[in-house]
Amino acid sequence: MEIVHFEPKHYEELLSFSKRVWPQKSEEYLKYRLFQIPEQIEDNRCNLLVINDDGKIIGCTMYIPTKARINGKEEKIFWGHDLFVEEQYRGAASLLLFIEMSKMKLSFGTGATNINLKIQKKLGTNFIGIEYHYFIFNIYFFKLLLTKLKLIGTPDPDKYSFPDKLKSNYKFIKISNVTELNIPNNGYWSDPSIKIDFVRDEHFLRNRFFENFLKYHFYKLEHDGGSELDECYFVVRPVIESGFPVLAVVDFRFDSTKPKQFKFILKAAAMLAKRNRIPLLTVRTSIKLNKLNLYPLIYRTGSKQHLSAPLTIKTDPRLLVTSADSDTDFIAL
């Protein structure tokens, strides 16, 4: 048994393993993960595979290569996800995999199971924060019960309507190409008080939201007072979570010196859900709000994910994490 880095020769075997373990994830997803997300194709070697004595893949942990500004310095980093070892090989194989994972000096992760969390803590994994899960309700909340009772079905997401403009005491404009953005600071949207800022540059945004095999709806805040650079956006996608139709806020950025912009994002996304009679809006982020908030009605659930990071990063730095950083968004394929 050995742990190896992914090479193109492993693709067909990895595809077979993926179909067996995650049948809901298509080949299109795997190709996207391996060959489209990386800015440099050789970065897909970061993915780790567990090979048994017969040369078969029986486990893996996958990584999304990207960049982050950490304490003012840009670094190449890796978001870990899709960690799995077949049950009959767990134990020694899992330990070998965790040891190899610990050698990834700039790797981040979220969503570890309770067992994996205990193992990682024993191996000295550094946990730096929490990703919280929020529900935002509207007047169509009753449809959740009707769906649960199978009195109504789940709508076709392609039939939802997403307008070109959203206007209240702010104005969001829908865009269809990354070239419609004036991206600030080489893709780092936050001010220096955010110690870990995960990049949102042209490559990331184009491949993540505009040239993805999934369909997203991207809104940017209209410039305030003639500003040349954009400073606020959000991205949503209709999904089915646990059998219920929801609108997921997949990603967002705002000027951290203008916290009211985050409220604008939540209100605008809630407006889209209500417009389409989608009973629930969901948000996953490292930003912690009160347990219950009004206008819109926001509830912080008990669900939370621990964020792991390299040992060189101090505990509880200021950072912003969304579903678009890890593979959280792809769980509802």
C-alpha atoms as a PDB file:
ATOM      1  CA  MET A   1       0.000   0.000   0.000  1.00  0.00           C
ATOM      2  CA  GLU A   2       1.273   3.477  -0.836  1.00  0.00           C
ATOM      3  CA  ILE A   3       0.249   7.140  -1.011  1.00  0.00           C
ATOM      4  CA  VAL A   4       0.938   8.772  -4.377  1.00  0.00           C
ATOM      5  CA  HIS A   5       0.303  12.118  -6.017  1.00  0.00           C
ATOM      6  CA  PHE A   6      -2.190  12.255  -8.868  1.00  0.00           C
ATOM      7  CA  GLU A   7      -0.867  11.880 -12.420  1.00  0.00           C
ATOM      8  CA  PRO A   8      -2.889  11.741 -15.666  1.00  0.00           C
ATOM      9  CA  LYS A   9      -2.325   7.961 -15.815  1.00  0.00           C
ATOM     10  CA  HIS A  10      -4.493   7.661 -12.669  1.00  0.00           C
ATOM     11  CA  TYR A  11      -7.510   9.415 -14.190  1.00  0.00           C
ATOM     12  CA  GLU A  12      -9.600   6.428 -15.318  1.00  0.00           C
ATOM     13  CA  GLU A  13      -9.013   4.546 -12.077  1.00  0.00           C
ATOM     14  CA  LEU A  14      -9.831   7.687 -10.044  1.00  0.00           C
ATOM     15  CA  LEU A  15     -13.022   8.151 -12.089  1.00  0.00           C
ATOM     16  CA  SER A  16     -14.062   4.565 -11.330  1.00  0.00           C
ATOM     17  CA  PHE A  17     -13.335   5.077  -7.619  1.00  0.00           C
ATOM     18  CA  SER A  18     -15.264   8.377  -7.590  1.00  0.00           C
ATOM     19  CA  LYS A  19     -18.333   6.835  -9.252  1.00  0.00           C
ATOM     20  CA  ARG A  20     -18.305   4.072  -6.673  1.00  0.00           C
ATOM     21  CA  VAL A  21     -17.904   6.326  -3.647  1.00  0.00           C
ATOM     22  CA  TRP A  22     -19.741   9.490  -4.791  1.00  0.00           C
ATOM     23  CA  PRO A  23     -22.249   8.364  -7.451  1.00  0.00           C
ATOM     24  CA  GLN A  24     -23.961  11.763  -7.316  1.00  0.00           C
ATOM     25  CA  LYS A  25     -20.823  13.473  -8.638  1.00  0.00           C
ATOM     26  CA  SER A  26     -20.499  13.356 -12.405  1.00  0.00           C
ATOM     27  CA  GLU A  27     -17.426  12.823 -14.548  1.00  0.00           C
ATOM     28  CA  GLU A  28     -17.903  16.437 -15.621  1.00  0.00           C
ATOM     29  CA  TYR A  29     -17.310  17.456 -12.012  1.00  0.00           C
ATOM     30  CA  LEU A  30     -14.090  15.425 -11.766  1.00  0.00           C
ATOM     31  CA  LYS A  31     -12.734  16.848 -15.018  1.00  0.00           C
ATOM     32  CA  TYR A  32     -13.603  20.341 -13.857  1.00  0.00           C
ATOM     33  CA  ARG A  33     -11.862  19.757 -10.536  1.00  0.00           C
ATOM     34  CA  LEU A  34      -8.680  18.317 -12.020  1.00  0.00           C
ATOM     35  CA  PHE A  35      -8.202  20.219 -15.246  1.00  0.00           C
ATOM     36  CA  GLN A  36     -10.103  23.518 -15.119  1.00  0.00           C
ATOM     37  CA  ILE A  37      -9.800  24.892 -11.594  1.00  0.00           C
ATOM     38  CA  PRO A  38      -5.976  24.790 -11.357  1.00  0.00           C
ATOM     39  CA  GLU A  39      -4.317  27.917 -12.713  1.00  0.00           C
ATOM     40  CA  GLN A  40      -1.310  25.732 -13.528  1.00  0.00           C
ATOM     41  CA  ILE A  41      -2.199  22.217 -14.660  1.00  0.00           C
ATOM     42  CA  GLU A  42       0.704  20.651 -12.750  1.00  0.00           C
ATOM     43  CA  ASP A  43      -1.008  21.768  -9.522  1.00  0.00           C
ATOM     44  CA  ASN A  44      -3.396  18.848  -9.854  1.00  0.00           C
ATOM     45  CA  ARG A  45      -0.527  16.669  -8.569  1.00  0.00           C
ATOM     46  CA  CYS A  46      -1.449  17.945  -5.096  1.00  0.00           C
ATOM     47  CA  ASN A  47      -4.284  15.390  -5.000  1.00  0.00           C
ATOM     48  CA  LEU A  48      -3.327  12.352  -2.909  1.00  0.00           C
ATOM     49  CA  LEU A  49      -4.359   8.785  -3.768  1.00  0.00           C
ATOM     50  CA  VAL A  50      -4.177   5.622  -1.655  1.00  0.00           C
ATOM     51  CA  ILE A  51      -3.108   2.664  -3.821  1.00  0.00           C
ATOM     52  CA  ASN A  52      -3.427  -0.915  -2.560  1.00  0.00           C
ATOM     53  CA  ASP A  53      -1.056  -3.789  -3.395  1.00  0.00           C
ATOM     54  CA  ASP A  54      -3.111  -4.620  -6.498  1.00  0.00           C
ATOM     55  CA  GLY A  55      -2.627  -1.120  -7.889  1.00  0.00           C
ATOM     56  CA  LYS A  56      -6.228  -0.059  -7.209  1.00  0.00           C
ATOM     57  CA  ILE A  57      -7.252   3.275  -5.715  1.00  0.00           C
ATOM     58  CA  ILE A  58      -8.931   2.601  -2.369  1.00  0.00           C
ATOM     59  CA  GLY A  59      -8.796   6.103  -0.899  1.00  0.00           C
ATOM     60  CA  CYS A  60      -7.967   9.740  -1.634  1.00  0.00           C
ATOM     61  CA  THR A  61      -8.001  13.296  -0.473  1.00  0.00           C
ATOM     62  CA  MET A  62      -8.466  15.966  -3.107  1.00  0.00           C
ATOM     63  CA  TYR A  63      -7.255  19.555  -3.085  1.00  0.00           C
ATOM     64  CA  ILE A  64      -8.360  22.755  -4.788  1.00  0.00           C
ATOM     65  CA  PRO A  65      -5.240  24.840  -5.593  1.00  0.00           C
ATOM     66  CA  THR A  66      -5.705  28.596  -5.273  1.00  0.00           C
ATOM     67  CA  LYS A  67      -4.055  31.637  -3.703  1.00  0.00           C
ATOM     68  CA  ALA A  68      -4.448  33.707  -0.551  1.00  0.00           C
ATOM     69  CA  ARG A  69      -2.948  36.817   0.956  1.00  0.00           C
ATOM     70  CA  ILE A  70      -1.712  35.763   4.387  1.00  0.00           C
ATOM     71  CA  ASN A  71      -0.520  38.555   6.659  1.00  0.00           C
ATOM     72  CA  GLY A  72       0.074  40.731   3.604  1.00  0.00           C
ATOM     73  CA  LYS A  73       1.950  38.134   1.521  1.00  0.00           C
ATOM     74  CA  GLU A  74       0.474  36.200  -1.409  1.00  0.00           C
ATOM     75  CA  GLU A  75       0.854  32.416  -1.086  1.00  0.00           C
ATOM     76  CA  LYS A  76      -0.206  29.415  -3.160  1.00  0.00           C
ATOM     77  CA  ILE A  77      -2.543  27.379  -0.968  1.00  0.00           C
ATOM     78  CA  PHE A  78      -4.654  24.214  -1.208  1.00  0.00           C
ATOM     79  CA  TRP A  79      -8.205  23.571   0.035  1.00  0.00           C
ATOM     80  CA  GLY A  80      -8.658  19.926   1.022  1.00  0.00           C
ATOM     81  CA  HIS A  81     -11.880  18.001   0.376  1.00  0.00           C
ATOM     82  CA  ASP A  82     -13.280  14.582  -0.671  1.00  0.00           C
ATOM     83  CA  LEU A  83     -11.344  12.670   1.977  1.00  0.00           C
ATOM     84  CA  PHE A  84     -12.315   8.986   1.882  1.00  0.00           C
ATOM     85  CA  VAL A  85     -10.783   5.562   2.481  1.00  0.00           C
ATOM     86  CA  GLU A  86     -12.709   2.340   1.780  1.00  0.00           C
ATOM     87  CA  GLU A  87     -13.901   0.767   5.017  1.00  0.00           C
ATOM     88  CA  GLN A  88     -11.884  -2.462   4.826  1.00  0.00           C
ATOM     89  CA  TYR A  89      -8.652  -0.462   4.481  1.00  0.00           C
ATOM     90  CA  ARG A  90      -9.279   2.092   7.208  1.00  0.00           C
ATOM     91  CA  GLY A  91      -6.836   2.219  10.063  1.00  0.00           C
ATOM     92  CA  ALA A  92      -3.330   1.928   8.639  1.00  0.00           C
ATOM     93  CA  ALA A  93      -4.322   3.460   5.262  1.00  0.00           C
ATOM     94  CA  SER A  94      -6.105   6.387   6.919  1.00  0.00           C
ATOM     95  CA  LEU A  95      -3.128   7.052   9.186  1.00  0.00           C
ATOM     96  CA  LEU A  96      -0.719   6.997   6.237  1.00  0.00           C
ATOM     97  CA  LEU A  97      -2.965   9.401   4.366  1.00  0.00           C
ATOM     98  CA  PHE A  98      -3.249  11.793   7.312  1.00  0.00           C
ATOM     99  CA  ILE A  99       0.523  11.786   7.755  1.00  0.00           C
ATOM    100  CA  GLU A 100       1.004  12.644   4.078  1.00  0.00           C
ATOM    101  CA  MET A 101      -1.658  15.343   4.337  1.00  0.00           C
ATOM    102  CA  SER A 102       0.203  16.915   7.248  1.00  0.00           C
ATOM    103  CA  LYS A 103       3.118  17.544   4.869  1.00  0.00           C
ATOM    104  CA  MET A 104       0.955  19.958   2.849  1.00  0.00           C
ATOM    105  CA  LYS A 105       2.302  23.094   4.507  1.00  0.00           C
ATOM    106  CA  LEU A 106      -0.263  25.539   3.111  1.00  0.00           C
ATOM    107  CA  SER A 107      -3.417  23.444   3.103  1.00  0.00           C
ATOM    108  CA  PHE A 108      -6.788  24.502   4.488  1.00  0.00           C
ATOM    109  CA  GLY A 109      -9.851  22.412   5.151  1.00  0.00           C
ATOM    110  CA  THR A 110     -13.402  22.333   6.467  1.00  0.00           C
ATOM    111  CA  GLY A 111     -16.147  19.787   6.991  1.00  0.00           C
ATOM    112  CA  ALA A 112     -14.188  17.036   8.772  1.00  0.00           C
ATOM    113  CA  THR A 113     -16.282  14.262  10.319  1.00  0.00           C
ATOM    114  CA  ASN A 114     -16.144  13.838  14.110  1.00  0.00           C
ATOM    115  CA  ILE A 115     -13.774  10.874  13.750  1.00  0.00           C
ATOM    116  CA  ASN A 116     -11.486  12.730  11.337  1.00  0.00           C
ATOM    117  CA  LEU A 117     -11.582  15.735  13.640  1.00  0.00           C
ATOM    118  CA  LYS A 118     -10.318  13.652  16.574  1.00  0.00           C
ATOM    119  CA  ILE A 119      -7.534  12.116  14.463  1.00  0.00           C
ATOM    120  CA  GLN A 120      -6.446  15.483  13.108  1.00  0.00           C
ATOM    121  CA  LYS A 121      -6.345  16.985  16.599  1.00  0.00           C
ATOM    122  CA  LYS A 122      -4.090  14.135  17.754  1.00  0.00           C
ATOM    123  CA  LEU A 123      -1.819  14.774  14.764  1.00  0.00           C
ATOM    124  CA  GLY A 124      -1.581  18.429  15.766  1.00  0.00           C
ATOM    125  CA  THR A 125      -3.786  19.967  13.072  1.00  0.00           C
ATOM    126  CA  ASN A 126      -4.312  23.692  13.589  1.00  0.00           C
ATOM    127  CA  PHE A 127      -7.945  24.858  13.786  1.00  0.00           C
ATOM    128  CA  ILE A 128      -8.418  28.582  13.284  1.00  0.00           C
ATOM    129  CA  GLY A 129     -12.135  29.230  13.038  1.00  0.00           C
ATOM    130  CA  ILE A 130     -15.688  28.107  12.391  1.00  0.00           C
ATOM    131  CA  GLU A 131     -17.871  28.124   9.294  1.00  0.00           C
ATOM    132  CA  TYR A 132     -21.472  28.844  10.333  1.00  0.00           C
ATOM    133  CA  HIS A 133     -24.675  27.853   8.564  1.00  0.00           C
ATOM    134  CA  TYR A 134     -27.560  30.352   8.328  1.00  0.00           C
ATOM    135  CA  PHE A 135     -31.192  30.065   7.243  1.00  0.00           C
ATOM    136  CA  ILE A 136     -32.999  33.160   5.946  1.00  0.00           C
ATOM    137  CA  PHE A 137     -36.769  32.790   5.912  1.00  0.00           C
ATOM    138  CA  ASN A 138     -39.549  34.451   3.920  1.00  0.00           C
ATOM    139  CA  ILE A 139     -43.340  34.235   3.678  1.00  0.00           C
ATOM    140  CA  TYR A 140     -43.090  31.049   1.582  1.00  0.00           C
ATOM    141  CA  PHE A 141     -41.525  29.109   4.451  1.00  0.00           C
ATOM    142  CA  PHE A 142     -44.715  27.010   4.723  1.00  0.00           C
ATOM    143  CA  LYS A 143     -43.744  25.331   1.429  1.00  0.00           C
ATOM    144  CA  LEU A 144     -41.054  23.389   3.297  1.00  0.00           C
ATOM    145  CA  LEU A 145     -43.758  21.533   5.219  1.00  0.00           C
ATOM    146  CA  LEU A 146     -45.760  20.910   2.043  1.00  0.00           C
ATOM    147  CA  THR A 147     -42.620  19.539   0.384  1.00  0.00           C
ATOM    148  CA  LYS A 148     -41.910  17.348   3.409  1.00  0.00           C
ATOM    149  CA  LEU A 149     -45.447  15.933   3.213  1.00  0.00           C
ATOM    150  CA  LYS A 150     -44.979  15.429  -0.547  1.00  0.00           C
ATOM    151  CA  LEU A 151     -47.987  17.635  -1.267  1.00  0.00           C
ATOM    152  CA  ILE A 152     -45.873  19.670  -3.680  1.00  0.00           C
ATOM    153  CA  GLY A 153     -42.810  18.771  -5.702  1.00  0.00           C
ATOM    154  CA  THR A 154     -39.504  20.578  -6.128  1.00  0.00           C
ATOM    155  CA  PRO A 155     -39.490  23.185  -8.930  1.00  0.00           C
ATOM    156  CA  ASP A 156     -37.219  23.100 -11.964  1.00  0.00           C
ATOM    157  CA  PRO A 157     -34.369  25.561 -11.171  1.00  0.00           C
ATOM    158  CA  ASP A 158     -34.232  26.634 -14.835  1.00  0.00           C
ATOM    159  CA  LYS A 159     -37.696  28.165 -14.464  1.00  0.00           C
ATOM    160  CA  TYR A 160     -36.661  30.621 -11.771  1.00  0.00           C
ATOM    161  CA  SER A 161     -36.343  34.294 -12.689  1.00  0.00           C
ATOM    162  CA  PHE A 162     -33.246  36.332 -11.853  1.00  0.00           C
ATOM    163  CA  PRO A 163     -33.655  39.991 -12.890  1.00  0.00           C
ATOM    164  CA  ASP A 164     -30.932  42.160 -14.366  1.00  0.00           C
ATOM    165  CA  LYS A 165     -31.255  44.668 -11.515  1.00  0.00           C
ATOM    166  CA  LEU A 166     -32.127  44.578  -7.818  1.00  0.00           C
ATOM    167  CA  LYS A 167     -32.947  47.935  -6.307  1.00  0.00           C
ATOM    168  CA  SER A 168     -33.805  49.184  -2.823  1.00  0.00           C
ATOM    169  CA  ASN A 169     -31.634  51.699  -0.961  1.00  0.00           C
ATOM    170  CA  TYR A 170     -28.840  50.015  -2.950  1.00  0.00           C
ATOM    171  CA  LYS A 171     -28.595  48.669  -6.488  1.00  0.00           C
ATOM    172  CA  PHE A 172     -27.170  45.325  -7.572  1.00  0.00           C
ATOM    173  CA  ILE A 173     -26.584  44.585 -11.261  1.00  0.00           C
ATOM    174  CA  LYS A 174     -26.485  41.068 -12.698  1.00  0.00           C
ATOM    175  CA  ILE A 175     -23.431  40.329 -14.843  1.00  0.00           C
ATOM    176  CA  SER A 176     -22.671  37.446 -17.195  1.00  0.00           C
ATOM    177  CA  ASN A 177     -18.920  37.802 -17.758  1.00  0.00           C
ATOM    178  CA  VAL A 178     -15.963  38.369 -15.470  1.00  0.00           C
ATOM    179  CA  THR A 179     -14.803  41.205 -17.752  1.00  0.00           C
ATOM    180  CA  GLU A 180     -17.743  43.256 -16.443  1.00  0.00           C
ATOM    181  CA  LEU A 181     -15.953  43.499 -13.100  1.00  0.00           C
ATOM    182  CA  ASN A 182     -13.292  46.004 -12.094  1.00  0.00           C
ATOM    183  CA  ILE A 183     -11.483  43.699  -9.668  1.00  0.00           C
ATOM    184  CA  PRO A 184      -9.610  45.492  -6.861  1.00  0.00           C
ATOM    185  CA  ASN A 185      -6.124  44.841  -5.520  1.00  0.00           C
ATOM    186  CA  ASN A 186      -5.202  41.931  -7.818  1.00  0.00           C
ATOM    187  CA  GLY A 187      -8.163  39.939  -6.533  1.00  0.00           C
ATOM    188  CA  TYR A 188      -7.915  40.720  -2.809  1.00  0.00           C
ATOM    189  CA  TRP A 189     -11.124  42.538  -1.966  1.00  0.00           C
ATOM    190  CA  SER A 190     -10.661  42.990   1.792  1.00  0.00           C
ATOM    191  CA  ASP A 191      -8.679  45.629   3.642  1.00  0.00           C
ATOM    192  CA  PRO A 192      -5.450  44.599   5.443  1.00  0.00           C
ATOM    193  CA  SER A 193      -7.315  43.995   8.734  1.00  0.00           C
ATOM    194  CA  ILE A 194      -8.442  40.686   7.176  1.00  0.00           C
ATOM    195  CA  LYS A 195      -5.337  38.616   7.886  1.00  0.00           C
ATOM    196  CA  ILE A 196      -6.265  35.741   5.544  1.00  0.00           C
ATOM    197  CA  ASP A 197      -7.879  36.891   2.303  1.00  0.00           C
ATOM    198  CA  PHE A 198      -8.655  34.110  -0.207  1.00  0.00           C
ATOM    199  CA  VAL A 199      -8.209  35.349  -3.759  1.00  0.00           C
ATOM    200  CA  ARG A 200     -11.101  36.344  -5.998  1.00  0.00           C
ATOM    201  CA  ASP A 201      -9.177  37.330  -9.110  1.00  0.00           C
ATOM    202  CA  GLU A 202     -10.173  36.967 -12.764  1.00  0.00           C
ATOM    203  CA  HIS A 203      -9.026  33.347 -13.009  1.00  0.00           C
ATOM    204  CA  PHE A 204     -10.890  32.277  -9.873  1.00  0.00           C
ATOM    205  CA  LEU A 205     -14.136  34.089 -10.686  1.00  0.00           C
ATOM    206  CA  ARG A 206     -14.181  33.117 -14.362  1.00  0.00           C
ATOM    207  CA  ASN A 207     -13.589  29.410 -13.791  1.00  0.00           C
ATOM    208  CA  ARG A 208     -15.662  29.183 -10.627  1.00  0.00           C
ATOM    209  CA  PHE A 209     -18.806  31.030 -11.710  1.00  0.00           C
ATOM    210  CA  PHE A 210     -18.844  31.974 -15.395  1.00  0.00           C
ATOM    211  CA  GLU A 211     -17.282  28.928 -17.085  1.00  0.00           C
ATOM    212  CA  ASN A 212     -18.469  26.252 -14.701  1.00  0.00           C
ATOM    213  CA  PHE A 213     -20.598  23.238 -15.625  1.00  0.00           C
ATOM    214  CA  LEU A 214     -23.125  24.525 -13.059  1.00  0.00           C
ATOM    215  CA  LYS A 215     -25.243  27.671 -13.458  1.00  0.00           C
ATOM    216  CA  TYR A 216     -24.721  30.620 -11.128  1.00  0.00           C
ATOM    217  CA  HIS A 217     -26.236  34.097 -10.847  1.00  0.00           C
ATOM    218  CA  PHE A 218     -23.679  36.831 -10.139  1.00  0.00           C
ATOM    219  CA  TYR A 219     -24.631  40.299  -8.879  1.00  0.00           C
ATOM    220  CA  LYS A 220     -22.350  43.249  -8.197  1.00  0.00           C
ATOM    221  CA  LEU A 221     -23.137  46.392  -6.240  1.00  0.00           C
ATOM    222  CA  GLU A 222     -23.390  49.477  -8.422  1.00  0.00           C
ATOM    223  CA  HIS A 223     -20.464  51.824  -7.954  1.00  0.00           C
ATOM    224  CA  ASP A 224     -20.903  54.331  -5.149  1.00  0.00           C
ATOM    225  CA  GLY A 225     -20.052  57.903  -6.019  1.00  0.00           C
ATOM    226  CA  GLY A 226     -18.227  57.104  -9.228  1.00  0.00           C
ATOM    227  CA  SER A 227     -15.756  54.607  -7.741  1.00  0.00           C
ATOM    228  CA  GLU A 228     -13.755  52.908 -10.487  1.00  0.00           C
ATOM    229  CA  LEU A 229     -13.225  49.604  -8.670  1.00  0.00           C
ATOM    230  CA  ASP A 230     -15.912  47.146  -7.649  1.00  0.00           C
ATOM    231  CA  GLU A 231     -16.070  46.437  -3.936  1.00  0.00           C
ATOM    232  CA  CYS A 232     -19.097  44.218  -3.357  1.00  0.00           C
ATOM    233  CA  TYR A 233     -20.746  41.213  -5.042  1.00  0.00           C
ATOM    234  CA  PHE A 234     -22.644  38.026  -4.286  1.00  0.00           C
ATOM    235  CA  VAL A 235     -23.355  34.770  -6.135  1.00  0.00           C
ATOM    236  CA  VAL A 236     -26.401  32.509  -5.756  1.00  0.00           C
ATOM    237  CA  ARG A 237     -27.479  29.121  -7.091  1.00  0.00           C
ATOM    238  CA  PRO A 238     -30.826  27.291  -6.690  1.00  0.00           C
ATOM    239  CA  VAL A 239     -30.191  23.841  -5.217  1.00  0.00           C
ATOM    240  CA  ILE A 240     -31.972  20.953  -3.538  1.00  0.00           C
ATOM    241  CA  GLU A 241     -30.733  20.389   0.017  1.00  0.00           C
ATOM    242  CA  SER A 242     -32.067  17.398   1.957  1.00  0.00           C
ATOM    243  CA  GLY A 243     -34.960  17.230  -0.492  1.00  0.00           C
ATOM    244  CA  PHE A 244     -35.958  20.899  -0.101  1.00  0.00           C
ATOM    245  CA  PRO A 245     -35.665  23.704  -2.672  1.00  0.00           C
ATOM    246  CA  VAL A 246     -33.367  26.453  -1.411  1.00  0.00           C
ATOM    247  CA  LEU A 247     -31.407  29.359  -2.809  1.00  0.00           C
ATOM    248  CA  ALA A 248     -27.771  29.115  -1.736  1.00  0.00           C
ATOM    249  CA  VAL A 249     -25.494  32.131  -1.371  1.00  0.00           C
ATOM    250  CA  VAL A 250     -22.349  30.485  -2.711  1.00  0.00           C
ATOM    251  CA  ASP A 251     -19.929  33.403  -2.486  1.00  0.00           C
ATOM    252  CA  PHE A 252     -19.691  37.099  -1.689  1.00  0.00           C
ATOM    253  CA  ARG A 253     -17.252  39.896  -1.054  1.00  0.00           C
ATOM    254  CA  PHE A 254     -17.727  43.361   0.392  1.00  0.00           C
ATOM    255  CA  ASP A 255     -15.676  46.259   1.686  1.00  0.00           C
ATOM    256  CA  SER A 256     -14.935  45.249   5.286  1.00  0.00           C
ATOM    257  CA  THR A 257     -14.767  48.939   6.237  1.00  0.00           C
ATOM    258  CA  LYS A 258     -18.429  49.196   5.140  1.00  0.00           C
ATOM    259  CA  PRO A 259     -20.158  46.371   7.043  1.00  0.00           C
ATOM    260  CA  LYS A 260     -23.584  47.591   5.915  1.00  0.00           C
ATOM    261  CA  GLN A 261     -22.732  46.110   2.509  1.00  0.00           C
ATOM    262  CA  PHE A 262     -22.989  42.603   4.013  1.00  0.00           C
ATOM    263  CA  LYS A 263     -26.523  43.479   5.096  1.00  0.00           C
ATOM    264  CA  PHE A 264     -27.242  44.664   1.540  1.00  0.00           C
ATOM    265  CA  ILE A 265     -26.069  41.277   0.223  1.00  0.00           C
ATOM    266  CA  LEU A 266     -28.330  39.322   2.581  1.00  0.00           C
ATOM    267  CA  LYS A 267     -31.346  41.521   1.816  1.00  0.00           C
ATOM    268  CA  ALA A 268     -30.807  41.326  -1.944  1.00  0.00           C
ATOM    269  CA  ALA A 269     -30.366  37.533  -1.897  1.00  0.00           C
ATOM    270  CA  ALA A 270     -33.465  37.208   0.304  1.00  0.00           C
ATOM    271  CA  MET A 271     -35.345  39.326  -2.237  1.00  0.00           C
ATOM    272  CA  LEU A 272     -34.373  36.886  -4.998  1.00  0.00           C
ATOM    273  CA  ALA A 273     -35.584  33.909  -2.960  1.00  0.00           C
ATOM    274  CA  LYS A 274     -38.904  35.592  -2.200  1.00  0.00           C
ATOM    275  CA  ARG A 275     -39.333  36.690  -5.827  1.00  0.00           C
ATOM    276  CA  ASN A 276     -39.049  33.052  -6.925  1.00  0.00           C
ATOM    277  CA  ARG A 277     -41.130  31.739  -4.020  1.00  0.00           C
ATOM    278  CA  ILE A 278     -38.162  29.721  -2.815  1.00  0.00           C
ATOM    279  CA  PRO A 279     -38.917  29.113   0.873  1.00  0.00           C
ATOM    280  CA  LEU A 280     -35.380  29.231   2.214  1.00  0.00           C
ATOM    281  CA  LEU A 281     -32.103  31.043   1.608  1.00  0.00           C
ATOM    282  CA  THR A 282     -28.932  29.413   2.971  1.00  0.00           C
ATOM    283  CA  VAL A 283     -25.551  30.997   3.709  1.00  0.00           C
ATOM    284  CA  ARG A 284     -22.351  29.322   4.884  1.00  0.00           C
ATOM    285  CA  THR A 285     -19.619  31.659   6.049  1.00  0.00           C
ATOM    286  CA  SER A 286     -17.042  32.274   8.761  1.00  0.00           C
ATOM    287  CA  ILE A 287     -18.830  35.540   9.661  1.00  0.00           C
ATOM    288  CA  LYS A 288     -20.649  35.085  12.968  1.00  0.00           C
ATOM    289  CA  LEU A 289     -24.016  36.776  13.381  1.00  0.00           C
ATOM    290  CA  ASN A 290     -26.404  36.692  16.328  1.00  0.00           C
ATOM    291  CA  LYS A 291     -28.471  33.545  16.769  1.00  0.00           C
ATOM    292  CA  LEU A 292     -31.528  35.426  15.459  1.00  0.00           C
ATOM    293  CA  ASN A 293     -31.564  38.548  13.308  1.00  0.00           C
ATOM    294  CA  LEU A 294     -34.407  40.559  11.804  1.00  0.00           C
ATOM    295  CA  TYR A 295     -34.902  42.261   8.433  1.00  0.00           C
ATOM    296  CA  PRO A 296     -34.383  39.777   6.890  1.00  0.00           C
ATOM    297  CA  LEU A 297     -35.211  37.011   9.355  1.00  0.00           C
ATOM    298  CA  ILE A 298     -31.919  35.140   9.791  1.00  0.00           C
ATOM    299  CA  TYR A 299     -31.394  32.100  11.993  1.00  0.00           C
ATOM    300  CA  ARG A 300     -27.938  30.741  12.837  1.00  0.00           C
ATOM    301  CA  THR A 301     -28.299  26.963  12.941  1.00  0.00           C
ATOM    302  CA  GLY A 302     -26.399  24.606  15.222  1.00  0.00           C
ATOM    303  CA  SER A 303     -24.488  23.263  12.214  1.00  0.00           C
ATOM    304  CA  LYS A 304     -20.901  24.443  12.039  1.00  0.00           C
ATOM    305  CA  GLN A 305     -17.665  23.283  10.462  1.00  0.00           C
ATOM    306  CA  HIS A 306     -14.165  23.651  11.901  1.00  0.00           C
ATOM    307  CA  LEU A 307     -11.636  25.413   9.674  1.00  0.00           C
ATOM    308  CA  SER A 308      -8.167  23.870   9.645  1.00  0.00           C
ATOM    309  CA  ALA A 309      -5.050  25.713   8.531  1.00  0.00           C
ATOM    310  CA  PRO A 310      -1.234  25.493   8.465  1.00  0.00           C
ATOM    311  CA  LEU A 311       0.524  25.473  11.819  1.00  0.00           C
ATOM    312  CA  THR A 312       2.261  28.752  10.987  1.00  0.00           C
ATOM    313  CA  ILE A 313      -1.058  30.626  11.203  1.00  0.00           C
ATOM    314  CA  LYS A 314      -2.086  31.871  14.627  1.00  0.00           C
ATOM    315  CA  THR A 315      -5.404  30.884  16.187  1.00  0.00           C
ATOM    316  CA  ASP A 316      -8.504  32.940  15.339  1.00  0.00           C
ATOM    317  CA  PRO A 317      -7.141  35.360  12.734  1.00  0.00           C
ATOM    318  CA  ARG A 318      -9.573  37.608  10.866  1.00  0.00           C
ATOM    319  CA  LEU A 319     -10.617  35.801   7.702  1.00  0.00           C
ATOM    320  CA  LEU A 320     -13.581  35.357   5.357  1.00  0.00           C
ATOM    321  CA  VAL A 321     -14.642  31.899   4.166  1.00  0.00           C
ATOM    322  CA  THR A 322     -17.628  31.013   1.968  1.00  0.00           C
ATOM    323  CA  SER A 323     -18.956  27.879   0.250  1.00  0.00           C
ATOM    324  CA  ALA A 324     -16.876  28.733  -2.814  1.00  0.00           C
ATOM    325  CA  ASP A 325     -13.571  28.181  -0.997  1.00  0.00           C
ATOM    326  CA  SER A 326     -13.959  24.469  -0.277  1.00  0.00           C
ATOM    327  CA  ASP A 327     -16.183  21.934  -2.038  1.00  0.00           C
ATOM    328  CA  THR A 328     -19.250  22.771   0.074  1.00  0.00           C
ATOM    329  CA  ASP A 329     -21.118  24.158  -2.911  1.00  0.00           C
ATOM    330  CA  PHE A 330     -20.683  20.921  -4.860  1.00  0.00           C
ATOM    331  CA  ILE A 331     -22.267  18.760  -2.148  1.00  0.00           C
ATOM    332  CA  ALA A 332     -25.713  19.722  -3.491  1.00  0.00           C
ATOM    333  CA  LEU A 333     -25.032  18.606  -7.064  1.00  0.00           C
END
